[in-house]
Amino acid sequence: MSDPYVEVDDEALSEAAEILGTKTKKDTVNAALLEVAKRRRRLRALDELVEMGGAGGDAVRTARPGPGRARARQQSSDGAGSTTT
């Protein structure tokens, strides 16, 4: 494992720790990196399903969340905004 020194946005790190349920900065960064990698794999799998789905692919494609969708849901649950899902 590498031991890089990086400057990190403290507010973003704090929010990520809360969302991920981590206690240390190291655990938060590692969990966030893992989540990004998992998200990419899920999106690729979803794209494969869409390609295989034929007529049903349109329903899957429209259900795929955009990059800001998770943020909007988080803000909605915090009372900072509203969205429909």
Foldseek 3Di string as FASTA:
>chain_A
DDDDDDDDDPVVQVVQCVVVVHDDSVVSVVVVVVVVVVVVVVVVVLVVCLVVVVPCSVVSVVPDDDPCPVVQVVCVVVVNHDDDD
